[in-house]
Amino acid sequence: TLRNRTALKKWTMSLLGNPVVLQREMTLLPMSEVIKMNDNTKSIAAHKALEELLGGKFQVQKQTEERREQIRREQKKVQEEQELAARKHRMRIAQQERELQRQRML
């Protein structure tokens, strides 16, 4: 709900006249994720500072970050494979065009 500005605004306005219970599940975002929304470079420092301050690791966050990183790597791999396939396709077309030009010259 916090990420959906329309839903949050609607809920906030409803509190003025007719308070209602949120109809969506809410979760807490780690502070480092909130910081990342504004400044990605400070996110890692904030994460480490919170770990030191609280004296422990954030297992749920760590798992979430690992999963996001895995998805990012998989997406990058797919993109690279698509780019390679496109490059090979362009090379085949260029080769066929050169062969056609040679045949026309004969």
C-alpha atoms as a PDB file:
ATOM      1  CA  THR A   1       0.000   0.000   0.000  1.00  0.00           C
ATOM      2  CA  LEU A   2       2.851   2.385   0.725  1.00  0.00           C
ATOM      3  CA  ARG A   3       4.173   1.898  -2.786  1.00  0.00           C
ATOM      4  CA  ASN A   4       0.730   2.430  -4.302  1.00  0.00           C
ATOM      5  CA  ARG A   5       0.272   6.173  -3.867  1.00  0.00           C
ATOM      6  CA  THR A   6      -3.364   6.116  -4.973  1.00  0.00           C
ATOM      7  CA  ALA A   7      -4.379   3.483  -2.419  1.00  0.00           C
ATOM      8  CA  LEU A   8      -2.414   5.209   0.329  1.00  0.00           C
ATOM      9  CA  LYS A   9      -3.983   8.585  -0.460  1.00  0.00           C
ATOM     10  CA  LYS A  10      -7.465   7.047  -0.555  1.00  0.00           C
ATOM     11  CA  TRP A  11      -6.904   5.382   2.818  1.00  0.00           C
ATOM     12  CA  THR A  12      -5.442   8.573   4.336  1.00  0.00           C
ATOM     13  CA  MET A  13      -8.425  10.623   3.157  1.00  0.00           C
ATOM     14  CA  SER A  14     -10.840   8.013   4.540  1.00  0.00           C
ATOM     15  CA  LEU A  15      -9.336   8.483   8.002  1.00  0.00           C
ATOM     16  CA  LEU A  16     -10.661  12.041   8.135  1.00  0.00           C
ATOM     17  CA  GLY A  17     -14.352  11.184   7.919  1.00  0.00           C
ATOM     18  CA  ASN A  18     -14.831   7.447   7.971  1.00  0.00           C
ATOM     19  CA  PRO A  19     -11.858   5.435   9.231  1.00  0.00           C
ATOM     20  CA  VAL A  20     -11.528   2.032   7.563  1.00  0.00           C
ATOM     21  CA  VAL A  21      -9.206  -0.879   7.990  1.00  0.00           C
ATOM     22  CA  LEU A  22      -6.679  -1.339   5.224  1.00  0.00           C
ATOM     23  CA  GLN A  23      -7.872  -3.955   2.790  1.00  0.00           C
ATOM     24  CA  ARG A  24      -4.418  -4.945   1.655  1.00  0.00           C
ATOM     25  CA  GLU A  25      -1.651  -6.695   3.482  1.00  0.00           C
ATOM     26  CA  MET A  26       1.124  -4.384   4.558  1.00  0.00           C
ATOM     27  CA  THR A  27       4.719  -5.319   5.075  1.00  0.00           C
ATOM     28  CA  LEU A  28       7.638  -3.399   6.460  1.00  0.00           C
ATOM     29  CA  LEU A  29      10.470  -2.380   4.226  1.00  0.00           C
ATOM     30  CA  PRO A  30      13.989  -2.467   5.603  1.00  0.00           C
ATOM     31  CA  MET A  31      15.420   1.026   6.028  1.00  0.00           C
ATOM     32  CA  SER A  32      18.110   0.263   3.446  1.00  0.00           C
ATOM     33  CA  GLU A  33      15.398  -0.430   0.849  1.00  0.00           C
ATOM     34  CA  VAL A  34      13.735   2.899   1.586  1.00  0.00           C
ATOM     35  CA  ILE A  35      17.106   4.621   1.244  1.00  0.00           C
ATOM     36  CA  LYS A  36      17.726   2.749  -2.020  1.00  0.00           C
ATOM     37  CA  MET A  37      14.575   4.329  -3.471  1.00  0.00           C
ATOM     38  CA  ASN A  38      16.206   7.742  -3.081  1.00  0.00           C
ATOM     39  CA  ASP A  39      19.921   6.988  -3.342  1.00  0.00           C
ATOM     40  CA  ASN A  40      21.030   3.542  -4.452  1.00  0.00           C
ATOM     41  CA  THR A  41      24.672   4.189  -3.507  1.00  0.00           C
ATOM     42  CA  LYS A  42      23.825   4.695   0.169  1.00  0.00           C
ATOM     43  CA  SER A  43      21.723   1.534   0.482  1.00  0.00           C
ATOM     44  CA  ILE A  44      24.620  -0.839   1.220  1.00  0.00           C
ATOM     45  CA  ALA A  45      26.111   1.529   3.809  1.00  0.00           C
ATOM     46  CA  ALA A  46      22.721   1.873   5.512  1.00  0.00           C
ATOM     47  CA  HIS A  47      22.277  -1.897   5.539  1.00  0.00           C
ATOM     48  CA  LYS A  48      25.688  -2.429   7.136  1.00  0.00           C
ATOM     49  CA  ALA A  49      25.078   0.349   9.671  1.00  0.00           C
ATOM     50  CA  LEU A  50      21.785  -1.246  10.729  1.00  0.00           C
ATOM     51  CA  GLU A  51      23.451  -4.640  11.074  1.00  0.00           C
ATOM     52  CA  GLU A  52      26.119  -3.132  13.321  1.00  0.00           C
ATOM     53  CA  LEU A  53      23.595  -1.119  15.307  1.00  0.00           C
ATOM     54  CA  LEU A  54      21.239  -4.045  15.874  1.00  0.00           C
ATOM     55  CA  GLY A  55      24.004  -6.613  16.210  1.00  0.00           C
ATOM     56  CA  GLY A  56      22.792  -9.164  13.730  1.00  0.00           C
ATOM     57  CA  LYS A  57      22.023 -10.134  10.202  1.00  0.00           C
ATOM     58  CA  PHE A  58      18.684  -9.591   8.537  1.00  0.00           C
ATOM     59  CA  GLN A  59      17.865 -13.067   7.309  1.00  0.00           C
ATOM     60  CA  VAL A  60      14.616 -12.221   5.545  1.00  0.00           C
ATOM     61  CA  GLN A  61      16.152  -9.215   3.864  1.00  0.00           C
ATOM     62  CA  LYS A  62      19.256 -11.189   2.968  1.00  0.00           C
ATOM     63  CA  GLN A  63      17.147 -13.916   1.350  1.00  0.00           C
ATOM     64  CA  THR A  64      15.108 -11.311  -0.508  1.00  0.00           C
ATOM     65  CA  GLU A  65      18.235  -9.545  -1.726  1.00  0.00           C
ATOM     66  CA  GLU A  66      19.797 -12.838  -2.801  1.00  0.00           C
ATOM     67  CA  ARG A  67      16.651 -13.764  -4.727  1.00  0.00           C
ATOM     68  CA  ARG A  68      16.559 -10.336  -6.389  1.00  0.00           C
ATOM     69  CA  GLU A  69      20.209 -10.695  -7.350  1.00  0.00           C
ATOM     70  CA  GLN A  70      19.544 -14.177  -8.747  1.00  0.00           C
ATOM     71  CA  ILE A  71      16.629 -12.843 -10.810  1.00  0.00           C
ATOM     72  CA  ARG A  72      18.791  -9.951 -12.021  1.00  0.00           C
ATOM     73  CA  ARG A  73      21.534 -12.391 -13.094  1.00  0.00           C
ATOM     74  CA  GLU A  74      19.000 -14.619 -14.860  1.00  0.00           C
ATOM     75  CA  GLN A  75      17.491 -11.639 -16.675  1.00  0.00           C
ATOM     76  CA  LYS A  76      20.947 -10.447 -17.705  1.00  0.00           C
ATOM     77  CA  LYS A  77      21.802 -13.937 -18.993  1.00  0.00           C
ATOM     78  CA  VAL A  78      18.587 -14.086 -21.038  1.00  0.00           C
ATOM     79  CA  GLN A  79      19.272 -10.619 -22.426  1.00  0.00           C
ATOM     80  CA  GLU A  80      22.834 -11.592 -23.366  1.00  0.00           C
ATOM     81  CA  GLU A  81      21.571 -14.765 -25.048  1.00  0.00           C
ATOM     82  CA  GLN A  82      19.001 -12.754 -27.001  1.00  0.00           C
ATOM     83  CA  GLU A  83      21.649 -10.235 -28.056  1.00  0.00           C
ATOM     84  CA  LEU A  84      23.966 -13.047 -29.147  1.00  0.00           C
ATOM     85  CA  ALA A  85      21.174 -14.700 -31.144  1.00  0.00           C
ATOM     86  CA  ALA A  86      20.337 -11.365 -32.788  1.00  0.00           C
ATOM     87  CA  ARG A  87      24.018 -10.767 -33.607  1.00  0.00           C
ATOM     88  CA  LYS A  88      24.320 -14.257 -35.147  1.00  0.00           C
ATOM     89  CA  HIS A  89      21.151 -13.657 -37.140  1.00  0.00           C
ATOM     90  CA  ARG A  90      22.498 -10.362 -38.488  1.00  0.00           C
ATOM     91  CA  MET A  91      25.766 -12.083 -39.398  1.00  0.00           C
ATOM     92  CA  ARG A  92      23.898 -14.837 -41.282  1.00  0.00           C
ATOM     93  CA  ILE A  93      21.889 -12.245 -43.190  1.00  0.00           C
ATOM     94  CA  ALA A  94      25.042 -10.291 -44.046  1.00  0.00           C
ATOM     95  CA  GLN A  95      26.718 -13.515 -45.231  1.00  0.00           C
ATOM     96  CA  GLN A  96      23.718 -14.389 -47.398  1.00  0.00           C
ATOM     97  CA  GLU A  97      23.721 -10.889 -48.887  1.00  0.00           C
ATOM     98  CA  ARG A  98      27.439 -11.202 -49.720  1.00  0.00           C
ATOM     99  CA  GLU A  99      26.821 -14.576 -51.374  1.00  0.00           C
ATOM    100  CA  LEU A 100      23.978 -13.111 -53.435  1.00  0.00           C
ATOM    101  CA  GLN A 101      26.208 -10.248 -54.543  1.00  0.00           C
ATOM    102  CA  ARG A 102      28.947 -12.706 -55.576  1.00  0.00           C
ATOM    103  CA  GLN A 103      26.452 -14.758 -57.567  1.00  0.00           C
ATOM    104  CA  ARG A 104      25.168 -11.644 -59.321  1.00  0.00           C
ATOM    105  CA  MET A 105      28.726 -10.673 -60.255  1.00  0.00           C
ATOM    106  CA  LEU A 106      29.339 -14.045 -61.914  1.00  0.00           C
END
